[in-house]
Amino acid sequence: GIAGAIFYDQAFSVTVGLMVSYFTGIMLLPVLYMLVYRTGLRKSWFSRIRINNPIKDHTLDRFYDAGVDFIFAHKTASVLFCIISIPLCVFMFYFIGKERMPEIDQNELIARVEWNENIHVDENRHRVNVLFETLREGTVEQTAAIGQQDYLLNREQALSSSEAELYFKTKDPSEIAFLQEKVYRLLKSEYPLAVVSFSPPETVFEKLFVTGEADIVAELYSRNKEKVPTADELRGLENEFITRTGYAPTGIAFENQLNIRINKEKLLLYNVSYDELYRVLKTAFKENSVATLHSYQQYLPISIAGDEKTVNQVLQETLIQTQPDSKTGEVNFIPLRELIKVTPAEDLKSITAGRNGEYIPYKFYGVENAEKLMTQVKETSSETGDWDIAFSGSFFSNQKMLDELVVILFISLLLMYFILAAQFESFMQPLLVLMEIPIDVAFALVLLWVCGHTLNLMSAIGLIVTCGIVINDSILKLDAINELRKEGVPLLEAIHEAGRRRLRPIIMTSLTTIFAMVPLLFSFDLGSELQKPLSIAMIGTMTIGTLVSLFIIPLLYWFIYRNKEKR
């Protein structure tokens, strides 16, 4: 899916970049270094420029030695810090909000209104104008598409005469939530039957990631396939959901219609042909299509129709010819209303179907406890015994995405363990390196939560990518300690000396990664809004990861190898 495609591109680019940098570092850079110092380039004016580093080597060394001494002086607290980080990581993973993609600040809102009444376009326009006049002060721009539109190439969500699509724009994105609540309250107070749904303007981002998906969609399947649920039954069920759950689902749209029933006995009595009656009905109600005009990709139906009339006028004034009398050949004309019976009715405006057949969708937004709501909805629908129920929505798609991320993270950790085990020729030292990951992830999740962000696809990419980068610091540190111990340097002295040797590369790697992410925090276009959770996750992971690599990992190393040092 989308998550896999994004992860594939991200993983491919990172892998290629690291491979190229690896071969560049071991093959190209030594050659360039030799050329620079063998030729006269190092004697040029450019090479004589010196940049005064405000942080001297001895300053960094004192900082590192003081940090290591502090950690070793508080061994118990440091170990407790590591132990607590693991359950904290698990807790934050389940506690922090989860969504498919990060929420984008919008100062625009689309409201789609189905009045659920048999109204004319003029009445529809009047209602919209009254609403706009009421909301004029809280918006900077507003417009609407009212009734049926003559867009031949637009086949998506076509409007009927009883529908309107409203557009609002505010000065600040923080005003959108208040505006949405106010629009909903005004419409429901004046027109209780209206069905109102909200969504952001449709952009490429919305089309790709469907961020407007409902949290929970209750799909109700009728057990009796021969019986069509009535509008009153569905409205009653909706009210039960509101009472039981406290959440108002997006209502079901209905349309008023007239059912025409042909009286076959009167057809025989007046000697009227059924086919003739059917043809007259189609002509009277403008359904007699005779041809279709084709122009490139446009299709324009051509129908035979008369002047605009009410239903009663059509039934009263339309005459139908009887069949000729078998004896006299006489032909009579009968009013249409004598042969049919018209009854008002109400039916679903649209039919929704899935793999298991047709169902009635009730969409719930802003759900805090999805499990509780689903239980309540299931109990309410099972009381009548007429419904089978299934659930869908962003709650399930987000859960599926997170499950995939957990699998990806587990595979990544497994691959890193085997690679490190081969490098260190030890099964214990890779565990020391990987011990850093839950600590880093825990505090990165805390930082995301504090900054008001969620665990989504972008922040998860940041966590996984940065975990692969930050453990390089621990690898450098442990490799230097191992080399010094092979030379016979005592354990504690090796820890200090290895830290001094690798301190500058570790700090430079971390600072370049952190500063590369900082500009994204202060940009507000669509791309930056998407990347902001990723940058926060990477900054948090790199910051705590650098400190852990410098100070915590050496302490854990000392705990494991201190007894061997004594022997």
Protein backbone atom coordinates (compact mmCIF):
# COMPACT_ATOMS: atom_id res chain seq x y z
CA GLY A 1 0.00 0.00 0.00
CA ILE A 2 0.93 3.66 0.41
CA ALA A 3 2.98 2.95 3.56
CA GLY A 4 4.97 0.26 1.78
CA ALA A 5 5.61 2.50 -1.23
CA ILE A 6 6.87 5.35 0.95
CA PHE A 7 9.01 3.01 3.06
CA TYR A 8 10.45 1.41 -0.06
CA ASP A 9 11.55 4.75 -1.51
CA GLN A 10 12.90 5.91 1.86
CA ALA A 11 14.80 2.67 2.50
CA PHE A 12 16.15 2.55 -1.05
CA SER A 13 17.43 6.14 -0.95
CA VAL A 14 19.05 5.69 2.49
CA THR A 15 20.66 2.39 1.46
CA VAL A 16 22.09 3.78 -1.77
CA GLY A 17 23.28 6.94 0.00
CA LEU A 18 25.08 4.98 2.72
CA MET A 19 26.66 2.57 0.23
CA VAL A 20 27.95 5.44 -1.91
CA SER A 21 29.29 7.27 1.16
CA TYR A 22 30.97 4.06 2.34
CA PHE A 23 32.84 3.49 -0.90
CA THR A 24 33.61 7.21 -1.17
CA GLY A 25 35.08 7.20 2.35
CA ILE A 26 37.36 4.20 1.86
CA MET A 27 38.37 4.73 -1.79
CA LEU A 28 37.96 8.32 -2.95
CA LEU A 29 38.69 10.47 0.11
CA PRO A 30 42.18 8.99 0.82
CA VAL A 31 43.15 9.66 -2.80
CA LEU A 32 41.89 13.24 -2.66
CA TYR A 33 43.69 13.79 0.65
CA MET A 34 46.94 12.55 -0.83
CA LEU A 35 46.56 14.74 -3.94
CA VAL A 36 45.91 17.84 -1.86
CA TYR A 37 48.95 17.35 0.36
CA ARG A 38 51.31 16.21 -2.43
CA THR A 39 50.57 19.09 -4.73
CA GLY A 40 50.91 22.78 -4.04
CA LEU A 41 47.24 23.26 -3.18
CA ARG A 42 47.99 23.22 0.52
CA LYS A 43 50.26 26.24 0.04
CA SER A 44 47.61 28.36 -1.67
CA TRP A 45 45.88 31.30 0.03
CA PHE A 46 42.70 29.27 0.46
CA SER A 47 44.45 26.60 2.55
CA ARG A 48 45.94 29.24 4.80
CA ILE A 49 42.51 30.37 6.03
CA ARG A 50 42.01 29.25 9.62
CA ILE A 51 38.66 29.02 11.38
CA ASN A 52 38.87 29.54 15.12
CA ASN A 53 36.89 26.78 16.80
CA PRO A 54 35.21 28.17 19.95
CA ILE A 55 35.02 24.69 21.47
CA LYS A 56 38.53 23.43 22.05
CA ASP A 57 39.51 19.79 22.29
CA HIS A 58 40.34 20.04 25.96
CA THR A 59 36.92 21.60 26.62
CA LEU A 60 35.17 18.66 24.98
CA ASP A 61 37.41 16.23 26.85
CA ARG A 62 36.56 17.84 30.18
CA PHE A 63 32.86 17.69 29.30
CA TYR A 64 33.10 14.01 28.42
CA ASP A 65 35.16 13.04 31.48
CA ALA A 66 32.79 14.94 33.79
CA GLY A 67 29.80 13.18 32.20
CA VAL A 68 31.33 9.72 32.51
CA ASP A 69 32.39 10.38 36.11
CA PHE A 70 28.87 11.54 36.97
CA ILE A 71 27.26 8.45 35.41
CA PHE A 72 29.68 6.09 37.13
CA ALA A 73 29.10 7.88 40.44
CA HIS A 74 25.35 7.24 40.07
CA LYS A 75 25.40 3.70 38.68
CA THR A 76 22.15 2.59 40.33
CA ALA A 77 20.19 5.58 39.05
CA SER A 78 21.62 5.18 35.55
CA VAL A 79 20.72 1.47 35.40
CA LEU A 80 17.22 2.24 36.69
CA PHE A 81 16.94 4.86 33.95
CA CYS A 82 17.67 2.18 31.35
CA ILE A 83 15.28 -0.34 32.91
CA ILE A 84 12.43 2.18 33.19
CA SER A 85 12.92 3.27 29.57
CA ILE A 86 11.78 -0.12 28.24
CA PRO A 87 8.27 -0.14 29.84
CA LEU A 88 8.07 3.60 29.10
CA CYS A 89 8.62 2.82 25.41
CA VAL A 90 5.85 0.19 25.46
CA PHE A 91 3.50 2.49 27.39
CA MET A 92 4.04 5.46 25.07
CA PHE A 93 3.56 3.25 22.03
CA TYR A 94 0.03 2.40 23.20
CA PHE A 95 -0.70 5.74 24.89
CA ILE A 96 0.24 8.21 22.16
CA GLY A 97 -2.36 9.03 19.53
CA LYS A 98 -2.10 7.11 16.27
CA GLU A 99 -3.17 8.08 12.78
CA ARG A 100 -2.21 7.18 9.27
CA MET A 101 -0.77 10.55 8.26
CA PRO A 102 0.02 13.71 10.25
CA GLU A 103 -2.77 16.23 10.61
CA ILE A 104 -2.35 19.20 8.28
CA ASP A 105 -3.41 22.65 9.48
CA GLN A 106 -6.30 23.78 7.29
CA ASN A 107 -8.06 27.11 7.15
CA GLU A 108 -10.59 25.80 4.64
CA LEU A 109 -13.67 23.63 5.16
CA ILE A 110 -16.13 21.87 2.87
CA ALA A 111 -19.63 21.20 4.25
CA ARG A 112 -21.92 18.94 2.24
CA VAL A 113 -25.59 19.35 3.16
CA GLU A 114 -28.44 17.02 2.22
CA TRP A 115 -31.63 18.74 3.38
CA ASN A 116 -33.56 15.45 3.34
CA GLU A 117 -36.63 17.33 2.16
CA ASN A 118 -38.36 17.66 -1.18
CA ILE A 119 -37.42 21.30 -1.82
CA HIS A 120 -36.90 23.44 -4.92
CA VAL A 121 -33.53 24.85 -5.91
CA ASP A 122 -34.76 28.34 -4.98
CA GLU A 123 -35.52 27.22 -1.42
CA ASN A 124 -32.14 25.49 -1.31
CA ARG A 125 -30.43 28.74 -2.37
CA HIS A 126 -32.41 30.75 0.20
CA ARG A 127 -31.33 28.47 3.05
CA VAL A 128 -27.68 28.69 2.02
CA ASN A 129 -27.83 32.50 1.76
CA VAL A 130 -29.32 32.76 5.27
CA LEU A 131 -26.54 30.52 6.63
CA PHE A 132 -23.85 32.54 4.86
CA GLU A 133 -25.26 35.78 6.24
CA THR A 134 -25.12 34.38 9.78
CA LEU A 135 -21.51 33.19 9.39
CA ARG A 136 -20.18 36.18 7.44
CA GLU A 137 -18.23 37.68 10.36
CA GLY A 138 -16.34 34.47 11.18
CA THR A 139 -15.10 33.75 7.64
CA VAL A 140 -13.02 35.55 5.04
CA GLU A 141 -14.42 33.68 2.05
CA GLN A 142 -17.49 31.55 1.40
CA THR A 143 -19.17 30.11 -1.65
CA ALA A 144 -21.48 27.24 -2.56
CA ALA A 145 -22.53 24.84 -5.28
CA ILE A 146 -26.32 24.56 -4.98
CA GLY A 147 -28.55 21.98 -6.61
CA GLN A 148 -27.82 20.00 -9.73
CA GLN A 149 -24.75 21.19 -11.66
CA ASP A 150 -24.29 21.00 -15.43
CA TYR A 151 -20.77 19.56 -15.31
CA LEU A 152 -20.85 16.81 -17.89
CA LEU A 153 -17.32 15.60 -17.14
CA ASN A 154 -17.71 15.64 -13.35
CA ARG A 155 -19.21 12.31 -12.34
CA GLU A 156 -18.07 12.35 -8.70
CA GLN A 157 -20.60 13.16 -5.98
CA ALA A 158 -23.14 14.84 -8.24
CA LEU A 159 -25.57 17.11 -6.37
CA SER A 160 -29.35 16.88 -6.53
CA SER A 161 -31.79 19.78 -6.15
CA SER A 162 -31.98 19.13 -2.38
CA GLU A 163 -28.20 19.17 -1.82
CA ALA A 164 -25.61 21.91 -1.42
CA GLU A 165 -21.84 21.94 -1.09
CA LEU A 166 -20.54 24.86 0.98
CA TYR A 167 -17.00 26.23 1.07
CA PHE A 168 -15.63 28.29 3.99
CA LYS A 169 -12.25 29.92 4.54
CA THR A 170 -11.09 31.42 7.84
CA LYS A 171 -8.18 33.65 8.80
CA ASP A 172 -6.56 31.10 11.09
CA PRO A 173 -6.59 27.26 11.06
CA SER A 174 -7.54 27.24 14.76
CA GLU A 175 -10.95 28.72 13.85
CA ILE A 176 -11.97 25.78 11.66
CA ALA A 177 -13.07 23.51 14.54
CA PHE A 178 -15.27 26.24 16.03
CA LEU A 179 -16.72 27.06 12.61
CA GLN A 180 -17.54 23.41 11.92
CA GLU A 181 -19.32 23.06 15.25
CA LYS A 182 -21.25 26.29 14.64
CA VAL A 183 -22.36 25.25 11.14
CA TYR A 184 -23.52 21.87 12.41
CA ARG A 185 -25.41 23.42 15.32
CA LEU A 186 -27.16 26.03 13.14
CA LEU A 187 -28.24 23.54 10.50
CA LYS A 188 -29.48 20.95 12.99
CA SER A 189 -31.44 23.52 15.01
CA GLU A 190 -33.22 24.91 11.93
CA TYR A 191 -33.46 21.75 9.84
CA PRO A 192 -33.41 18.61 12.04
CA LEU A 193 -33.71 16.26 9.05
CA ALA A 194 -30.61 17.66 7.32
CA VAL A 195 -27.60 15.38 6.92
CA VAL A 196 -24.35 17.32 7.26
CA SER A 197 -20.85 16.02 6.58
CA PHE A 198 -17.54 17.88 6.69
CA SER A 199 -14.24 17.38 4.91
CA PRO A 200 -11.13 19.38 4.00
CA PRO A 201 -10.80 20.61 0.41
CA GLU A 202 -9.80 17.79 -1.88
CA THR A 203 -6.10 18.06 -2.72
CA VAL A 204 -3.57 15.58 -4.07
CA PHE A 205 -2.67 14.78 -0.44
CA GLU A 206 -6.31 14.01 0.38
CA LYS A 207 -6.68 11.79 -2.67
CA LEU A 208 -3.55 9.80 -1.81
CA PHE A 209 -4.01 9.30 1.91
CA VAL A 210 -7.80 9.71 2.48
CA THR A 211 -7.29 11.62 5.71
CA GLY A 212 -11.00 12.44 5.98
CA GLU A 213 -11.93 8.79 6.62
CA ALA A 214 -14.32 8.26 9.52
CA ASP A 215 -12.85 6.84 12.74
CA ILE A 216 -15.46 4.07 12.92
CA VAL A 217 -17.97 3.02 10.25
CA ALA A 218 -20.72 0.71 11.49
CA GLU A 219 -21.90 -1.42 8.55
CA LEU A 220 -25.40 -2.78 9.20
CA TYR A 221 -26.51 -5.70 7.02
CA SER A 222 -30.18 -6.61 7.03
CA ARG A 223 -30.78 -10.27 7.90
CA ASN A 224 -34.04 -10.30 5.94
CA LYS A 225 -32.92 -9.60 2.40
CA GLU A 226 -36.49 -9.42 1.12
CA LYS A 227 -37.49 -6.60 3.45
CA VAL A 228 -36.32 -3.07 2.80
CA PRO A 229 -35.69 -1.07 6.02
CA THR A 230 -37.93 1.98 6.27
CA ALA A 231 -36.73 5.52 6.90
CA ASP A 232 -38.41 5.61 10.32
CA GLU A 233 -36.59 2.44 11.40
CA LEU A 234 -33.20 3.81 10.35
CA ARG A 235 -33.81 7.19 12.01
CA GLY A 236 -34.89 5.43 15.20
CA LEU A 237 -31.74 3.32 15.12
CA GLU A 238 -29.64 6.47 14.64
CA ASN A 239 -31.27 8.09 17.69
CA GLU A 240 -30.56 4.94 19.72
CA PHE A 241 -26.89 5.16 18.73
CA ILE A 242 -26.73 8.79 19.85
CA THR A 243 -28.40 7.99 23.19
CA ARG A 244 -26.27 4.93 23.91
CA THR A 245 -22.84 6.13 22.70
CA GLY A 246 -22.99 9.91 23.05
CA TYR A 247 -21.67 10.29 19.49
CA ALA A 248 -23.87 11.52 16.63
CA PRO A 249 -23.16 9.49 13.48
CA THR A 250 -23.39 11.07 10.06
CA GLY A 251 -27.06 10.61 9.21
CA ILE A 252 -28.50 8.55 6.39
CA ALA A 253 -29.75 10.61 3.44
CA PHE A 254 -33.27 9.89 2.17
CA GLU A 255 -35.22 11.22 -0.79
CA ASN A 256 -38.93 11.73 -1.21
CA GLN A 257 -40.47 9.89 -4.11
CA LEU A 258 -43.81 8.97 -5.63
CA ASN A 259 -44.59 5.31 -6.18
CA ILE A 260 -46.78 4.73 -9.23
CA ARG A 261 -48.85 1.57 -9.17
CA ILE A 262 -50.78 0.53 -12.30
CA ASN A 263 -54.32 -0.72 -11.75
CA LYS A 264 -54.45 -3.74 -14.08
CA GLU A 265 -58.18 -4.25 -13.53
CA LYS A 266 -58.93 -0.82 -14.97
CA LEU A 267 -56.63 -1.53 -17.87
CA LEU A 268 -58.91 -4.44 -18.76
CA LEU A 269 -62.04 -2.40 -18.04
CA TYR A 270 -61.07 0.49 -20.32
CA ASN A 271 -59.26 -1.70 -22.86
CA VAL A 272 -55.91 0.12 -22.51
CA SER A 273 -52.64 -1.44 -23.59
CA TYR A 274 -50.00 -1.80 -20.87
CA ASP A 275 -47.21 -0.88 -23.30
CA GLU A 276 -49.07 2.28 -24.35
CA LEU A 277 -49.56 3.27 -20.70
CA TYR A 278 -45.87 2.73 -19.97
CA ARG A 279 -44.87 4.87 -22.98
CA VAL A 280 -47.19 7.70 -21.93
CA LEU A 281 -45.83 7.63 -18.37
CA LYS A 282 -42.25 7.88 -19.60
CA THR A 283 -43.12 10.80 -21.86
CA ALA A 284 -45.13 12.59 -19.18
CA PHE A 285 -42.35 12.33 -16.61
CA LYS A 286 -39.54 13.13 -19.07
CA GLU A 287 -37.95 9.72 -19.14
CA ASN A 288 -38.44 9.07 -22.85
CA SER A 289 -34.85 9.15 -24.11
CA VAL A 290 -34.65 8.84 -27.90
CA ALA A 291 -30.93 9.30 -28.62
CA THR A 292 -27.52 10.28 -27.22
CA LEU A 293 -25.35 13.00 -28.70
CA HIS A 294 -21.64 12.10 -28.69
CA SER A 295 -18.99 14.82 -28.78
CA TYR A 296 -15.46 13.64 -27.97
CA GLN A 297 -15.75 12.34 -24.38
CA GLN A 298 -19.05 14.13 -23.66
CA TYR A 299 -22.41 12.36 -23.79
CA LEU A 300 -25.61 14.38 -23.96
CA PRO A 301 -28.93 12.44 -23.73
CA ILE A 302 -31.81 13.66 -25.91
CA SER A 303 -35.30 13.16 -24.47
CA ILE A 304 -38.85 14.04 -25.51
CA ALA A 305 -40.56 16.14 -22.84
CA GLY A 306 -43.26 18.76 -22.43
CA ASP A 307 -43.66 21.86 -20.29
CA GLU A 308 -43.00 21.91 -16.54
CA LYS A 309 -46.08 20.73 -14.62
CA THR A 310 -46.92 19.42 -11.19
CA VAL A 311 -47.62 15.74 -10.72
CA ASN A 312 -51.35 16.36 -10.24
CA GLN A 313 -51.49 18.42 -13.44
CA VAL A 314 -49.69 15.69 -15.36
CA LEU A 315 -52.07 13.00 -14.10
CA GLN A 316 -55.16 15.17 -14.74
CA GLU A 317 -54.30 16.56 -18.16
CA THR A 318 -52.53 13.59 -19.73
CA LEU A 319 -54.86 11.41 -21.75
CA ILE A 320 -54.20 7.89 -22.92
CA GLN A 321 -55.75 6.32 -25.94
CA THR A 322 -57.74 3.10 -25.63
CA GLN A 323 -57.46 0.28 -28.08
CA PRO A 324 -59.97 0.37 -30.99
CA ASP A 325 -63.29 -1.32 -30.28
CA SER A 326 -63.46 -4.70 -31.97
CA LYS A 327 -66.94 -3.99 -33.41
CA THR A 328 -67.16 -0.26 -34.07
CA GLY A 329 -63.45 0.61 -34.16
CA GLU A 330 -64.16 3.54 -31.85
CA VAL A 331 -61.21 4.98 -29.88
CA ASN A 332 -61.59 6.82 -26.56
CA PHE A 333 -59.21 8.85 -24.33
CA ILE A 334 -58.95 8.16 -20.63
CA PRO A 335 -57.28 10.48 -18.03
CA LEU A 336 -54.07 8.99 -16.72
CA ARG A 337 -55.16 9.34 -13.09
CA GLU A 338 -57.94 6.80 -13.66
CA LEU A 339 -55.49 4.01 -14.42
CA ILE A 340 -52.77 4.48 -11.82
CA LYS A 341 -52.43 5.06 -8.10
CA VAL A 342 -49.78 7.45 -6.76
CA THR A 343 -48.55 7.14 -3.17
CA PRO A 344 -45.83 9.24 -1.48
CA ALA A 345 -42.82 7.32 -0.15
CA GLU A 346 -39.31 7.81 1.21
CA ASP A 347 -36.28 5.75 0.30
CA LEU A 348 -32.51 5.70 0.63
CA LYS A 349 -30.87 8.27 -1.58
CA SER A 350 -27.85 6.07 -2.26
CA ILE A 351 -27.09 2.38 -1.86
CA THR A 352 -23.78 1.33 -0.30
CA ALA A 353 -22.38 -2.14 -0.90
CA GLY A 354 -19.24 -4.07 -0.04
CA ARG A 355 -17.92 -7.61 -0.19
CA ASN A 356 -20.80 -8.93 1.92
CA GLY A 357 -23.54 -7.14 0.00
CA GLU A 358 -25.57 -4.00 0.64
CA TYR A 359 -25.33 -2.31 4.04
CA ILE A 360 -26.37 0.84 5.88
CA PRO A 361 -23.29 2.91 6.91
CA TYR A 362 -23.23 4.94 10.14
CA LYS A 363 -20.04 7.00 10.31
CA PHE A 364 -18.61 8.18 13.65
CA TYR A 365 -16.00 10.96 13.87
CA GLY A 366 -13.89 12.15 16.81
CA VAL A 367 -14.11 8.81 18.65
CA GLU A 368 -11.86 8.61 21.72
CA ASN A 369 -12.57 5.01 22.79
CA ALA A 370 -13.22 2.97 19.65
CA GLU A 371 -13.55 -0.39 21.43
CA LYS A 372 -16.23 0.93 23.78
CA LEU A 373 -18.19 2.57 20.97
CA MET A 374 -18.16 -0.60 18.85
CA THR A 375 -19.44 -2.63 21.81
CA GLN A 376 -22.28 -0.18 22.42
CA VAL A 377 -23.23 -0.03 18.74
CA LYS A 378 -23.21 -3.83 18.51
CA GLU A 379 -25.43 -4.16 21.60
CA THR A 380 -27.88 -1.55 20.29
CA SER A 381 -28.21 -3.11 16.84
CA SER A 382 -28.60 -6.65 18.22
CA GLU A 383 -31.62 -5.72 20.36
CA THR A 384 -33.99 -5.86 17.39
CA GLY A 385 -32.44 -9.02 15.92
CA ASP A 386 -32.76 -7.59 12.39
CA TRP A 387 -29.15 -6.68 11.76
CA ASP A 388 -25.73 -8.21 11.29
CA ILE A 389 -22.95 -5.72 11.90
CA ALA A 390 -19.37 -5.20 10.81
CA PHE A 391 -16.96 -2.34 11.41
CA SER A 392 -14.42 -0.47 9.31
CA GLY A 393 -12.76 2.96 9.34
CA SER A 394 -9.46 4.66 10.09
CA PHE A 395 -9.20 2.88 13.47
CA PHE A 396 -8.60 -0.42 11.66
CA SER A 397 -6.46 0.96 8.83
CA ASN A 398 -4.22 2.75 11.34
CA GLN A 399 -3.92 -0.43 13.41
CA LYS A 400 -2.93 -2.39 10.32
CA MET A 401 -0.33 0.21 9.41
CA LEU A 402 1.18 0.12 12.92
CA ASP A 403 1.31 -3.68 12.87
CA GLU A 404 3.26 -3.47 9.63
CA LEU A 405 5.63 -0.93 11.19
CA VAL A 406 6.25 -3.20 14.18
CA VAL A 407 7.14 -6.07 11.84
CA ILE A 408 9.49 -3.80 9.87
CA LEU A 409 11.16 -2.62 13.09
CA PHE A 410 11.57 -6.19 14.37
CA ILE A 411 13.17 -7.34 11.10
CA SER A 412 15.47 -4.30 11.13
CA LEU A 413 16.59 -5.08 14.70
CA LEU A 414 17.18 -8.72 13.81
CA LEU A 415 19.32 -7.82 10.80
CA MET A 416 21.30 -5.28 12.83
CA TYR A 417 21.93 -7.86 15.57
CA PHE A 418 23.41 -10.44 13.20
CA ILE A 419 25.54 -7.85 11.41
CA LEU A 420 26.89 -6.50 14.71
CA ALA A 421 27.47 -10.01 16.08
CA ALA A 422 29.66 -10.78 13.07
CA GLN A 423 31.51 -7.47 13.43
CA PHE A 424 32.17 -7.69 17.19
CA GLU A 425 32.56 -11.48 17.20
CA SER A 426 30.34 -11.50 20.28
CA PHE A 427 26.71 -12.21 21.06
CA MET A 428 26.63 -9.84 24.05
CA GLN A 429 28.02 -6.60 22.62
CA PRO A 430 25.33 -6.28 19.89
CA LEU A 431 22.74 -6.41 22.69
CA LEU A 432 24.51 -3.45 24.31
CA VAL A 433 24.23 -1.49 21.09
CA LEU A 434 20.59 -2.42 20.50
CA MET A 435 19.77 -1.62 24.14
CA GLU A 436 19.98 1.99 23.07
CA ILE A 437 16.99 1.76 20.70
CA PRO A 438 14.12 1.41 23.25
CA ILE A 439 15.64 4.27 25.29
CA ASP A 440 15.82 6.52 22.22
CA VAL A 441 12.35 5.57 20.97
CA ALA A 442 10.76 6.10 24.39
CA PHE A 443 11.96 9.67 24.72
CA ALA A 444 11.28 10.44 21.06
CA LEU A 445 7.65 9.37 21.59
CA VAL A 446 7.48 11.54 24.71
CA LEU A 447 8.78 14.50 22.68
CA LEU A 448 6.19 13.86 19.94
CA TRP A 449 3.43 13.77 22.56
CA VAL A 450 4.66 16.96 24.25
CA CYS A 451 4.76 18.76 20.87
CA GLY A 452 1.17 17.70 20.14
CA HIS A 453 1.96 15.19 17.40
CA THR A 454 0.94 11.56 16.96
CA LEU A 455 2.57 8.31 15.93
CA ASN A 456 1.92 8.26 12.21
CA LEU A 457 3.61 7.07 9.06
CA MET A 458 6.02 10.01 8.85
CA SER A 459 7.07 9.99 12.52
CA ALA A 460 7.51 6.20 12.37
CA ILE A 461 9.81 6.58 9.35
CA GLY A 462 11.82 9.12 11.34
CA LEU A 463 12.13 6.75 14.31
CA ILE A 464 13.20 3.75 12.26
CA VAL A 465 15.69 5.65 10.08
CA THR A 466 17.24 7.48 13.04
CA CYS A 467 17.60 4.29 15.07
CA GLY A 468 19.77 2.94 12.28
CA ILE A 469 21.88 6.12 12.30
CA VAL A 470 22.25 6.69 16.04
CA ILE A 471 23.61 3.24 16.88
CA ASN A 472 26.62 4.07 14.70
CA ASP A 473 27.83 6.21 17.62
CA SER A 474 27.68 3.25 19.99
CA ILE A 475 29.41 1.04 17.41
CA LEU A 476 32.29 3.54 17.13
CA LYS A 477 32.55 3.75 20.88
CA LEU A 478 32.59 -0.01 21.55
CA ASP A 479 35.00 -0.66 18.69
CA ALA A 480 37.46 1.86 20.13
CA ILE A 481 37.13 0.35 23.63
CA ASN A 482 37.76 -3.16 22.27
CA GLU A 483 40.86 -2.03 20.37
CA LEU A 484 42.31 -0.34 23.47
CA ARG A 485 41.62 -3.37 25.65
CA LYS A 486 43.44 -5.59 23.13
CA GLU A 487 46.44 -3.31 23.59
CA GLY A 488 46.33 -3.99 27.35
CA VAL A 489 44.74 -0.73 28.49
CA PRO A 490 42.69 -1.16 31.72
CA LEU A 491 38.90 -1.19 31.30
CA LEU A 492 38.03 2.15 32.92
CA GLU A 493 40.91 3.93 31.26
CA ALA A 494 39.94 2.40 27.91
CA ILE A 495 36.42 3.77 28.35
CA HIS A 496 37.74 7.29 28.95
CA GLU A 497 40.32 7.16 26.18
CA ALA A 498 37.90 5.70 23.60
CA GLY A 499 35.39 8.41 24.44
CA ARG A 500 37.97 11.14 23.88
CA ARG A 501 39.03 9.64 20.55
CA ARG A 502 35.48 9.24 19.20
CA LEU A 503 33.89 12.26 20.87
CA ARG A 504 34.31 14.74 18.03
CA PRO A 505 33.06 12.39 15.20
CA ILE A 506 30.07 11.38 17.32
CA ILE A 507 29.11 14.99 18.11
CA MET A 508 29.65 16.10 14.50
CA THR A 509 27.44 13.28 13.16
CA SER A 510 24.66 14.07 15.62
CA LEU A 511 24.77 17.85 15.13
CA THR A 512 24.71 17.64 11.33
CA THR A 513 21.66 15.35 11.45
CA ILE A 514 19.84 17.53 14.00
CA PHE A 515 20.57 20.84 12.24
CA ALA A 516 19.48 19.37 8.90
CA MET A 517 16.02 18.77 10.41
CA VAL A 518 15.64 22.14 12.15
CA PRO A 519 14.50 24.17 9.07
CA LEU A 520 11.48 21.89 8.68
CA LEU A 521 10.24 22.96 12.12
CA PHE A 522 9.86 26.57 10.97
CA SER A 523 8.24 25.98 7.56
CA PHE A 524 4.48 25.84 7.09
CA ASP A 525 3.84 24.67 3.53
CA LEU A 526 2.18 21.33 2.82
CA GLY A 527 5.46 19.41 2.44
CA SER A 528 6.90 20.83 5.66
CA GLU A 529 3.71 20.04 7.57
CA LEU A 530 4.09 16.42 6.47
CA GLN A 531 7.77 16.29 7.40
CA LYS A 532 7.44 18.04 10.79
CA PRO A 533 6.63 14.86 12.81
CA LEU A 534 9.52 13.12 11.03
CA SER A 535 11.93 15.93 11.95
CA ILE A 536 10.76 16.02 15.59
CA ALA A 537 11.17 12.25 15.88
CA MET A 538 14.66 12.39 14.36
CA ILE A 539 15.77 15.33 16.54
CA GLY A 540 14.49 13.65 19.71
CA THR A 541 16.04 10.30 18.84
CA MET A 542 19.42 11.78 17.86
CA THR A 543 19.62 14.02 20.94
CA ILE A 544 18.93 11.34 23.54
CA GLY A 545 20.77 8.75 21.44
CA THR A 546 23.98 10.79 21.44
CA LEU A 547 23.91 11.12 25.23
CA VAL A 548 23.18 7.41 25.65
CA SER A 549 26.01 6.46 23.30
CA LEU A 550 28.48 8.70 25.10
CA PHE A 551 27.62 7.90 28.71
CA ILE A 552 25.13 5.03 29.22
CA ILE A 553 26.57 2.45 26.81
CA PRO A 554 30.06 2.61 28.44
CA LEU A 555 28.44 2.02 31.85
CA LEU A 556 26.62 -1.08 30.59
CA TYR A 557 29.85 -2.27 28.98
CA TRP A 558 31.65 -1.83 32.31
CA PHE A 559 28.95 -3.82 34.15
CA ILE A 560 29.41 -6.78 31.81
CA TYR A 561 33.23 -6.85 31.62
CA ARG A 562 34.26 -5.62 35.07
CA ASN A 563 34.61 -9.16 36.50
CA LYS A 564 36.84 -10.22 33.62
CA GLU A 565 38.99 -7.16 34.30
CA LYS A 566 39.47 -8.21 37.94
CA ARG A 567 40.53 -11.69 36.93
